[in-house]
Each structure stands twice: as C-alpha cells, then as structure tokens.
Amino acid sequence: MATTLDLHTHSEASEDSRAPVEAYLNWIRLRHAERPLDGIVLTEHRQFNRDADYRHLEDKFGVMVLRASEVETNYGHVLVYGVNEDMLRRFDFANIRLDAQELIDEVVKMGGLAVPCHPGRPNIGLYEHYEKRPPLENVVAVEVLNGGSRKGEDERSAELVRRYGYSAVGGSDSHLVSLIGLCATRFAGAIRSVDDLVRELKSGDYEPVDFRPRRKPVPHAEAVQTR
C-alpha cells in the first residue's frame, strides 16, 4: 500500500511559523482531492518536540502526524528522521554549526537518517557548499522538491541528484496553513510509524510529488497595425 507524506513542515513550535497542527490537518482534509496526503512530518527548527502528542488529532482528521527535526550544519540545513534519545544526547540540535558529515554518519548508526533539505537554496543549501568543499559521503537522499523554492532552486537540487545518484524526496517546508502539502513524497510501501518511515527512506523506493498549482500560459499578444 503506497503512502504519501509531506516530509518537511513547521508548526507554531518553530519560531517562524504560526500554523497550528490542527489547522494543518483540517486543511488537508478539506483539500484532499488536490493534495492527497496520508500524513505529515513535523520538522521543527533546531529542536525535537519530544513531548508532543497528536494522537487525538490523528483520530479526529484521519491524517498521520510524525515528528522529526530540521537542524543546521556546516553544509546547510538537514532533516533528521528517526530522532531518539541517543541522538539528542549526542548532538545539540540548537547548535547552528553541527558537522554535517558527523551528523549523517552518526544518525545512521543510531537508527535514523539525515536528509539535506532545499539543497539548491543559496547559503543554506548543499549546492553552494559543494562548489567550495568536497561532497559529503553516505548521503542517501536529498529534498529535490521544496514548496518554498524560488526560481532555479529545485533545478539545482535535481542537478545534485543526477550528479551524485541521490534518491529524491519532496516536502512543502510549510510555515503557513495554506501551503501544507504543496510538495510531498510518495512511498511504495506502507508507513505507520517513524520506524517505518526511516526504513522506507533507506529503501529508495519513493518519488517526490508536486501538487503546486500550474500557472496558465499567457497568450502571445498579436501586433495590431495602425494607419
């Protein structure tokens, strides 16, 4: 059974978001025909919201809510899935200068997976760092579709996928309710827990999906001769 998840979202637990989780789930229920999500992954900035319990909201709206983190490293921002106590003891997620290679290697040993996000974005993406330093080792996947990308950013992310053979995921990077689910990842397998998510991310059997509305082409203006 396939599963479609928005792998990159921020609720009001992140300092730059005002989006309540309940509002996200209600929006998904209302817009399911346009954005057919089975669930979301909350990736709060520089923290892991370990005490949050969304089971009553999952039951109310029929949408799965998983938790992860977005941390900052010397190679840009990275999503960490499968966060556990070992990782929280090993790394200070509030540190904005985490060593990316160490994070990627240690998170895997501790049962999770680290995925660089919006790699085509200036300053905080992998692409620019690769122009100055050697590529990271043991990267499994990168976020190739990001709902907040500006022109050219997703294209640079796709170039990294082609060049290095990474798997590709998608996420909305939503900080506003109406943006939830604009980009997501469709997994071939069933996902019911964070452990399932990490297993499927490591399998490589998934693809990014883009639910952003397409702009209608602007018709060419025809020249009018005047006398």
Foldseek 3Di string as FASTA:
>chain_A
DKAWEFEAEEDVVAVLFPHHPLLLLVLCLVCCVLFVHQEYEHAHQLDWPVPDDCVVSCVVRVHDYHYWHWAAEPQAIKIKFPDDPVLVVVDRSNDNHHHVLVSQVVSVVVQIHIEFELQLDPPRHNLVVVVPDPDHPPHAEYALAELPDDPPSSVSSVVCCVVPVHQYFHHHNDRYSVSHRQKIKMAPDDDDHSSSVRVRSNVSRIHIDGSHDDDDDDDDDDDDDDD
